[in-house]
Amino acid sequence: MISAVYESFRQTLESVIVDIATPPSGGLNLFNSYVALSRSPGRSQLCILRDFDDNIFLKSH
């Protein structure tokens, strides 16, 4: 996910599928999650693949 996040930086995509699971490296953070989620033009074009830990959005970067 992380490399795809950086490749999509400053782009809006027609539709987005996001997996916010913590990778084995533990490299998931607020910035990566925000960028991945913000690439879609709206909720109807966004699909989150699985449940995730809400606390990732409560931590400071």
N, C-alpha and C. Protein backbone atom coordinates (compact mmCIF):
# COMPACT_ATOMS: atom_id res chain seq x y z
N MET A 1 0.82 -1.19 0.00
CA MET A 1 0.00 0.00 0.00
C MET A 1 0.86 1.25 0.00
N ILE A 2 1.95 1.26 0.74
CA ILE A 2 2.72 2.48 0.90
C ILE A 2 3.24 3.00 -0.44
N SER A 3 3.80 2.14 -1.30
CA SER A 3 4.29 2.62 -2.58
C SER A 3 3.15 3.15 -3.43
N ALA A 4 1.99 2.50 -3.39
CA ALA A 4 0.83 2.99 -4.13
C ALA A 4 0.37 4.34 -3.61
N VAL A 5 0.50 4.56 -2.32
CA VAL A 5 0.12 5.85 -1.72
C VAL A 5 0.98 6.95 -2.31
N TYR A 6 2.27 6.77 -2.35
CA TYR A 6 3.15 7.81 -2.86
C TYR A 6 2.98 8.02 -4.36
N GLU A 7 2.67 6.97 -5.10
CA GLU A 7 2.44 7.11 -6.54
C GLU A 7 1.17 7.91 -6.82
N SER A 8 0.22 7.88 -5.91
CA SER A 8 -1.05 8.59 -6.13
C SER A 8 -1.06 9.98 -5.50
N PHE A 9 0.02 10.39 -4.88
CA PHE A 9 0.07 11.69 -4.21
C PHE A 9 -0.29 12.80 -5.19
N ARG A 10 -1.16 13.71 -4.77
CA ARG A 10 -1.66 14.84 -5.55
C ARG A 10 -2.52 14.43 -6.73
N GLN A 11 -3.10 13.25 -6.69
CA GLN A 11 -4.01 12.81 -7.73
C GLN A 11 -5.37 12.52 -7.11
N THR A 12 -6.42 12.73 -7.88
CA THR A 12 -7.74 12.26 -7.49
C THR A 12 -8.08 11.14 -8.46
N LEU A 13 -8.46 10.00 -7.94
CA LEU A 13 -8.74 8.83 -8.75
C LEU A 13 -10.25 8.63 -8.85
N GLU A 14 -10.72 8.00 -9.92
CA GLU A 14 -12.16 7.77 -10.10
C GLU A 14 -12.77 6.97 -8.98
N SER A 15 -12.08 5.91 -8.58
CA SER A 15 -12.53 5.10 -7.45
C SER A 15 -11.29 4.55 -6.75
N VAL A 16 -11.45 4.27 -5.46
CA VAL A 16 -10.31 3.87 -4.64
C VAL A 16 -10.71 2.67 -3.78
N ILE A 17 -9.85 1.66 -3.74
CA ILE A 17 -10.00 0.52 -2.84
C ILE A 17 -8.82 0.58 -1.88
N VAL A 18 -9.10 0.65 -0.58
CA VAL A 18 -8.06 0.84 0.41
C VAL A 18 -8.08 -0.31 1.42
N ASP A 19 -6.92 -0.81 1.75
CA ASP A 19 -6.75 -1.82 2.80
C ASP A 19 -5.92 -1.17 3.89
N ILE A 20 -6.54 -0.85 5.03
CA ILE A 20 -5.85 -0.13 6.10
C ILE A 20 -5.35 -1.10 7.16
N ALA A 21 -5.06 -2.32 6.79
CA ALA A 21 -4.49 -3.27 7.75
C ALA A 21 -3.04 -2.89 8.03
N THR A 22 -2.59 -3.16 9.24
CA THR A 22 -1.20 -2.89 9.58
C THR A 22 -0.32 -3.91 8.88
N PRO A 23 0.64 -3.47 8.06
CA PRO A 23 1.52 -4.40 7.37
C PRO A 23 2.47 -5.08 8.34
N PRO A 24 3.07 -6.21 7.95
CA PRO A 24 4.00 -6.92 8.83
C PRO A 24 5.15 -6.03 9.31
N SER A 25 5.52 -5.04 8.50
CA SER A 25 6.61 -4.14 8.89
C SER A 25 6.18 -3.15 9.95
N GLY A 26 4.86 -3.03 10.17
CA GLY A 26 4.35 -2.07 11.14
C GLY A 26 4.40 -0.64 10.61
N GLY A 27 4.56 -0.48 9.29
CA GLY A 27 4.77 0.82 8.68
C GLY A 27 3.54 1.66 8.43
N LEU A 28 2.38 1.28 8.94
CA LEU A 28 1.17 2.06 8.73
C LEU A 28 1.18 3.26 9.67
N ASN A 29 0.87 4.44 9.13
CA ASN A 29 0.79 5.62 9.99
C ASN A 29 -0.33 6.53 9.52
N LEU A 30 -0.58 7.58 10.25
CA LEU A 30 -1.68 8.49 9.96
C LEU A 30 -1.53 9.12 8.58
N PHE A 31 -0.35 9.55 8.22
CA PHE A 31 -0.13 10.20 6.93
C PHE A 31 -0.47 9.26 5.78
N ASN A 32 0.06 8.05 5.80
CA ASN A 32 -0.20 7.09 4.72
C ASN A 32 -1.69 6.80 4.60
N SER A 33 -2.35 6.63 5.72
CA SER A 33 -3.78 6.33 5.71
C SER A 33 -4.58 7.50 5.16
N TYR A 34 -4.25 8.70 5.60
CA TYR A 34 -4.95 9.89 5.12
C TYR A 34 -4.80 10.05 3.61
N VAL A 35 -3.58 9.92 3.11
CA VAL A 35 -3.34 10.09 1.68
C VAL A 35 -4.12 9.04 0.89
N ALA A 36 -4.08 7.79 1.33
CA ALA A 36 -4.80 6.73 0.63
C ALA A 36 -6.30 7.01 0.59
N LEU A 37 -6.88 7.42 1.71
CA LEU A 37 -8.31 7.68 1.78
C LEU A 37 -8.71 8.93 1.02
N SER A 38 -7.84 9.91 0.97
CA SER A 38 -8.21 11.19 0.36
C SER A 38 -8.06 11.21 -1.16
N ARG A 39 -7.64 10.12 -1.77
CA ARG A 39 -7.51 10.08 -3.23
C ARG A 39 -8.85 9.95 -3.93
N SER A 40 -9.88 9.50 -3.23
CA SER A 40 -11.18 9.34 -3.89
C SER A 40 -11.94 10.66 -3.87
N PRO A 41 -12.81 10.87 -4.87
CA PRO A 41 -13.56 12.12 -4.91
C PRO A 41 -14.71 12.16 -3.90
N GLY A 42 -15.05 11.04 -3.28
CA GLY A 42 -16.14 11.02 -2.30
C GLY A 42 -16.36 9.62 -1.76
N ARG A 43 -17.21 9.53 -0.76
CA ARG A 43 -17.46 8.24 -0.10
C ARG A 43 -18.00 7.17 -1.05
N SER A 44 -18.82 7.56 -2.00
CA SER A 44 -19.43 6.57 -2.89
C SER A 44 -18.39 5.93 -3.83
N GLN A 45 -17.23 6.54 -3.97
CA GLN A 45 -16.17 5.99 -4.80
C GLN A 45 -15.05 5.38 -3.97
N LEU A 46 -15.29 5.16 -2.69
CA LEU A 46 -14.28 4.63 -1.78
C LEU A 46 -14.74 3.29 -1.21
N CYS A 47 -13.88 2.30 -1.27
CA CYS A 47 -14.17 0.99 -0.70
C CYS A 47 -13.03 0.62 0.25
N ILE A 48 -13.36 0.37 1.51
CA ILE A 48 -12.37 -0.07 2.49
C ILE A 48 -12.54 -1.57 2.64
N LEU A 49 -11.46 -2.31 2.40
CA LEU A 49 -11.53 -3.76 2.31
C LEU A 49 -11.85 -4.49 3.61
N ARG A 50 -11.39 -4.00 4.74
CA ARG A 50 -11.62 -4.73 5.99
C ARG A 50 -11.67 -3.76 7.16
N ASP A 51 -12.09 -4.28 8.29
CA ASP A 51 -12.08 -3.47 9.51
C ASP A 51 -10.65 -3.07 9.83
N PHE A 52 -10.51 -1.95 10.52
CA PHE A 52 -9.19 -1.46 10.89
C PHE A 52 -9.27 -0.82 12.27
N ASP A 53 -8.12 -0.57 12.85
CA ASP A 53 -8.03 0.03 14.17
C ASP A 53 -8.27 1.53 14.07
N ASP A 54 -9.40 2.01 14.57
CA ASP A 54 -9.75 3.44 14.52
C ASP A 54 -8.70 4.32 15.19
N ASN A 55 -7.97 3.76 16.13
CA ASN A 55 -6.99 4.55 16.90
C ASN A 55 -5.89 5.14 16.03
N ILE A 56 -5.68 4.59 14.84
CA ILE A 56 -4.65 5.16 13.95
C ILE A 56 -4.96 6.62 13.63
N PHE A 57 -6.25 6.98 13.61
CA PHE A 57 -6.63 8.34 13.29
C PHE A 57 -6.67 9.27 14.52
N LEU A 58 -6.46 8.69 15.69
CA LEU A 58 -6.46 9.50 16.91
C LEU A 58 -5.05 9.85 17.37
N LYS A 59 -4.05 9.20 16.79
CA LYS A 59 -2.65 9.46 17.17
C LYS A 59 -2.16 10.70 16.46
N SER A 60 -1.24 11.41 17.08
CA SER A 60 -0.62 12.55 16.41
C SER A 60 0.46 12.03 15.47
N HIS A 61 0.72 12.77 14.44
CA HIS A 61 1.76 12.37 13.49
C HIS A 61 3.07 12.85 14.02
